[in-house]
Amino acid sequence: MGDVVNLNRARKARAKTQAEKTAANNRVKHGTPKHLRQKGDAERKRTEAEIDGKRLDDDTND
């Protein structure tokens, strides 16, 4: 026979770990100052535009 497990404690422990994971994601998402988010967005857009500008067109469909 196995160990006796208190299901209420197991349920609460699982909920606690899920809440901690959600809190960590929210800290990352909402903890960044606005000017840093905007700077990151601008840099990401600039990088995407630079990569798109260097992309070679493949017009072999004709």
N, C-alpha and C. Protein backbone atom coordinates (compact mmCIF):
# COMPACT_ATOMS: atom_id res chain seq x y z
N MET A 1 0.84 -1.17 0.00
CA MET A 1 0.00 0.00 0.00
C MET A 1 0.88 1.24 0.00
N GLY A 2 0.40 2.32 -0.61
CA GLY A 2 1.16 3.55 -0.70
C GLY A 2 0.94 4.46 0.48
N ASP A 3 1.57 5.60 0.41
CA ASP A 3 1.41 6.59 1.47
C ASP A 3 0.05 7.25 1.38
N VAL A 4 -0.43 7.65 2.52
CA VAL A 4 -1.70 8.35 2.59
C VAL A 4 -1.47 9.80 2.19
N VAL A 5 -2.28 10.30 1.26
CA VAL A 5 -2.14 11.67 0.75
C VAL A 5 -3.39 12.45 1.08
N ASN A 6 -3.21 13.59 1.71
CA ASN A 6 -4.33 14.47 1.99
C ASN A 6 -4.65 15.21 0.69
N LEU A 7 -5.77 14.90 0.06
CA LEU A 7 -6.12 15.47 -1.23
C LEU A 7 -6.33 16.98 -1.15
N ASN A 8 -6.83 17.45 -0.02
CA ASN A 8 -7.04 18.88 0.14
C ASN A 8 -5.70 19.62 0.12
N ARG A 9 -4.69 19.08 0.80
CA ARG A 9 -3.36 19.69 0.79
C ARG A 9 -2.74 19.64 -0.60
N ALA A 10 -2.91 18.54 -1.30
CA ALA A 10 -2.36 18.40 -2.65
C ALA A 10 -3.01 19.41 -3.59
N ARG A 11 -4.32 19.58 -3.48
CA ARG A 11 -5.03 20.53 -4.33
C ARG A 11 -4.56 21.96 -4.05
N LYS A 12 -4.41 22.29 -2.78
CA LYS A 12 -3.97 23.64 -2.41
C LYS A 12 -2.53 23.88 -2.85
N ALA A 13 -1.67 22.88 -2.76
CA ALA A 13 -0.28 23.02 -3.18
C ALA A 13 -0.20 23.24 -4.69
N ARG A 14 -1.01 22.50 -5.45
CA ARG A 14 -1.04 22.67 -6.91
C ARG A 14 -1.55 24.07 -7.27
N ALA A 15 -2.57 24.54 -6.59
CA ALA A 15 -3.10 25.88 -6.84
C ALA A 15 -2.06 26.95 -6.50
N LYS A 16 -1.30 26.72 -5.43
CA LYS A 16 -0.28 27.68 -5.02
C LYS A 16 0.84 27.77 -6.06
N THR A 17 1.28 26.65 -6.59
CA THR A 17 2.34 26.68 -7.60
C THR A 17 1.85 27.35 -8.88
N GLN A 18 0.59 27.12 -9.24
CA GLN A 18 0.02 27.77 -10.43
C GLN A 18 -0.08 29.27 -10.21
N ALA A 19 -0.48 29.70 -9.02
CA ALA A 19 -0.58 31.12 -8.71
C ALA A 19 0.80 31.78 -8.74
N GLU A 20 1.82 31.09 -8.25
CA GLU A 20 3.17 31.63 -8.28
C GLU A 20 3.67 31.79 -9.72
N LYS A 21 3.35 30.84 -10.57
CA LYS A 21 3.75 30.91 -11.97
C LYS A 21 3.05 32.08 -12.66
N THR A 22 1.76 32.25 -12.41
CA THR A 22 1.01 33.36 -12.98
C THR A 22 1.55 34.70 -12.49
N ALA A 23 1.88 34.77 -11.21
CA ALA A 23 2.42 36.01 -10.64
C ALA A 23 3.76 36.35 -11.26
N ALA A 24 4.60 35.36 -11.50
CA ALA A 24 5.91 35.61 -12.13
C ALA A 24 5.72 36.14 -13.54
N ASN A 25 4.79 35.58 -14.30
CA ASN A 25 4.52 36.07 -15.65
C ASN A 25 3.99 37.50 -15.61
N ASN A 26 3.12 37.81 -14.67
CA ASN A 26 2.57 39.15 -14.56
C ASN A 26 3.63 40.16 -14.14
N ARG A 27 4.57 39.75 -13.29
CA ARG A 27 5.65 40.66 -12.89
C ARG A 27 6.50 41.03 -14.10
N VAL A 28 6.76 40.07 -14.96
CA VAL A 28 7.55 40.34 -16.16
C VAL A 28 6.74 41.23 -17.11
N LYS A 29 5.48 40.90 -17.28
CA LYS A 29 4.64 41.61 -18.25
C LYS A 29 4.33 43.03 -17.81
N HIS A 30 3.97 43.22 -16.55
CA HIS A 30 3.52 44.53 -16.08
C HIS A 30 4.58 45.29 -15.30
N GLY A 31 5.70 44.65 -15.02
CA GLY A 31 6.73 45.30 -14.22
C GLY A 31 7.71 46.14 -15.02
N THR A 32 7.61 46.09 -16.34
CA THR A 32 8.53 46.84 -17.18
C THR A 32 8.00 48.26 -17.35
N PRO A 33 8.84 49.28 -17.13
CA PRO A 33 8.40 50.66 -17.32
C PRO A 33 8.02 50.93 -18.78
N LYS A 34 7.14 51.88 -18.96
CA LYS A 34 6.59 52.17 -20.28
C LYS A 34 7.67 52.54 -21.29
N HIS A 35 8.63 53.36 -20.88
CA HIS A 35 9.66 53.79 -21.83
C HIS A 35 10.55 52.62 -22.28
N LEU A 36 10.76 51.64 -21.41
CA LEU A 36 11.54 50.47 -21.81
C LEU A 36 10.75 49.57 -22.74
N ARG A 37 9.43 49.44 -22.51
CA ARG A 37 8.59 48.65 -23.43
C ARG A 37 8.59 49.29 -24.80
N GLN A 38 8.44 50.62 -24.86
CA GLN A 38 8.40 51.31 -26.14
C GLN A 38 9.75 51.20 -26.85
N LYS A 39 10.83 51.28 -26.09
CA LYS A 39 12.16 51.16 -26.68
C LYS A 39 12.34 49.76 -27.27
N GLY A 40 11.92 48.74 -26.56
CA GLY A 40 12.01 47.37 -27.05
C GLY A 40 11.16 47.15 -28.29
N ASP A 41 9.95 47.70 -28.30
CA ASP A 41 9.08 47.58 -29.46
C ASP A 41 9.69 48.26 -30.68
N ALA A 42 10.24 49.46 -30.49
CA ALA A 42 10.85 50.20 -31.59
C ALA A 42 12.06 49.44 -32.13
N GLU A 43 12.86 48.88 -31.24
CA GLU A 43 14.03 48.13 -31.68
C GLU A 43 13.62 46.88 -32.44
N ARG A 44 12.57 46.19 -31.98
CA ARG A 44 12.09 45.00 -32.66
C ARG A 44 11.56 45.34 -34.05
N LYS A 45 10.82 46.45 -34.17
CA LYS A 45 10.30 46.86 -35.48
C LYS A 45 11.44 47.24 -36.42
N ARG A 46 12.45 47.93 -35.89
CA ARG A 46 13.59 48.34 -36.72
C ARG A 46 14.33 47.11 -37.22
N THR A 47 14.52 46.13 -36.37
CA THR A 47 15.21 44.91 -36.76
C THR A 47 14.42 44.15 -37.82
N GLU A 48 13.11 44.05 -37.64
CA GLU A 48 12.27 43.37 -38.63
C GLU A 48 12.33 44.09 -39.98
N ALA A 49 12.28 45.42 -39.96
CA ALA A 49 12.35 46.19 -41.20
C ALA A 49 13.71 45.99 -41.88
N GLU A 50 14.76 45.93 -41.09
CA GLU A 50 16.10 45.73 -41.64
C GLU A 50 16.21 44.35 -42.29
N ILE A 51 15.67 43.34 -41.63
CA ILE A 51 15.71 41.99 -42.19
C ILE A 51 14.86 41.91 -43.45
N ASP A 52 13.68 42.53 -43.45
CA ASP A 52 12.83 42.53 -44.64
C ASP A 52 13.50 43.26 -45.80
N GLY A 53 14.26 44.31 -45.51
CA GLY A 53 14.96 45.05 -46.55
C GLY A 53 16.08 44.24 -47.17
N LYS A 54 16.66 43.32 -46.44
CA LYS A 54 17.76 42.50 -46.94
C LYS A 54 17.27 41.21 -47.59
N ARG A 55 15.98 40.95 -47.50
CA ARG A 55 15.43 39.72 -48.07
C ARG A 55 15.46 39.78 -49.59
N LEU A 56 15.85 38.69 -50.20
CA LEU A 56 15.87 38.61 -51.65
C LEU A 56 14.50 38.18 -52.14
N ASP A 57 14.03 38.84 -53.21
CA ASP A 57 12.74 38.48 -53.79
C ASP A 57 12.92 37.26 -54.69
N ASP A 58 12.04 36.33 -54.57
CA ASP A 58 12.09 35.12 -55.39
C ASP A 58 10.91 35.16 -56.34
N ASP A 59 11.13 35.64 -57.55
CA ASP A 59 10.05 35.78 -58.53
C ASP A 59 10.12 34.66 -59.57
N THR A 60 10.20 33.43 -59.13
CA THR A 60 10.26 32.30 -60.05
C THR A 60 8.88 31.72 -60.34
N ASN A 61 7.83 32.41 -59.90
CA ASN A 61 6.46 31.93 -60.12
C ASN A 61 5.99 32.11 -61.54
N ASP A 62 6.69 32.93 -62.33
CA ASP A 62 6.24 33.22 -63.72
C ASP A 62 6.49 32.08 -64.65
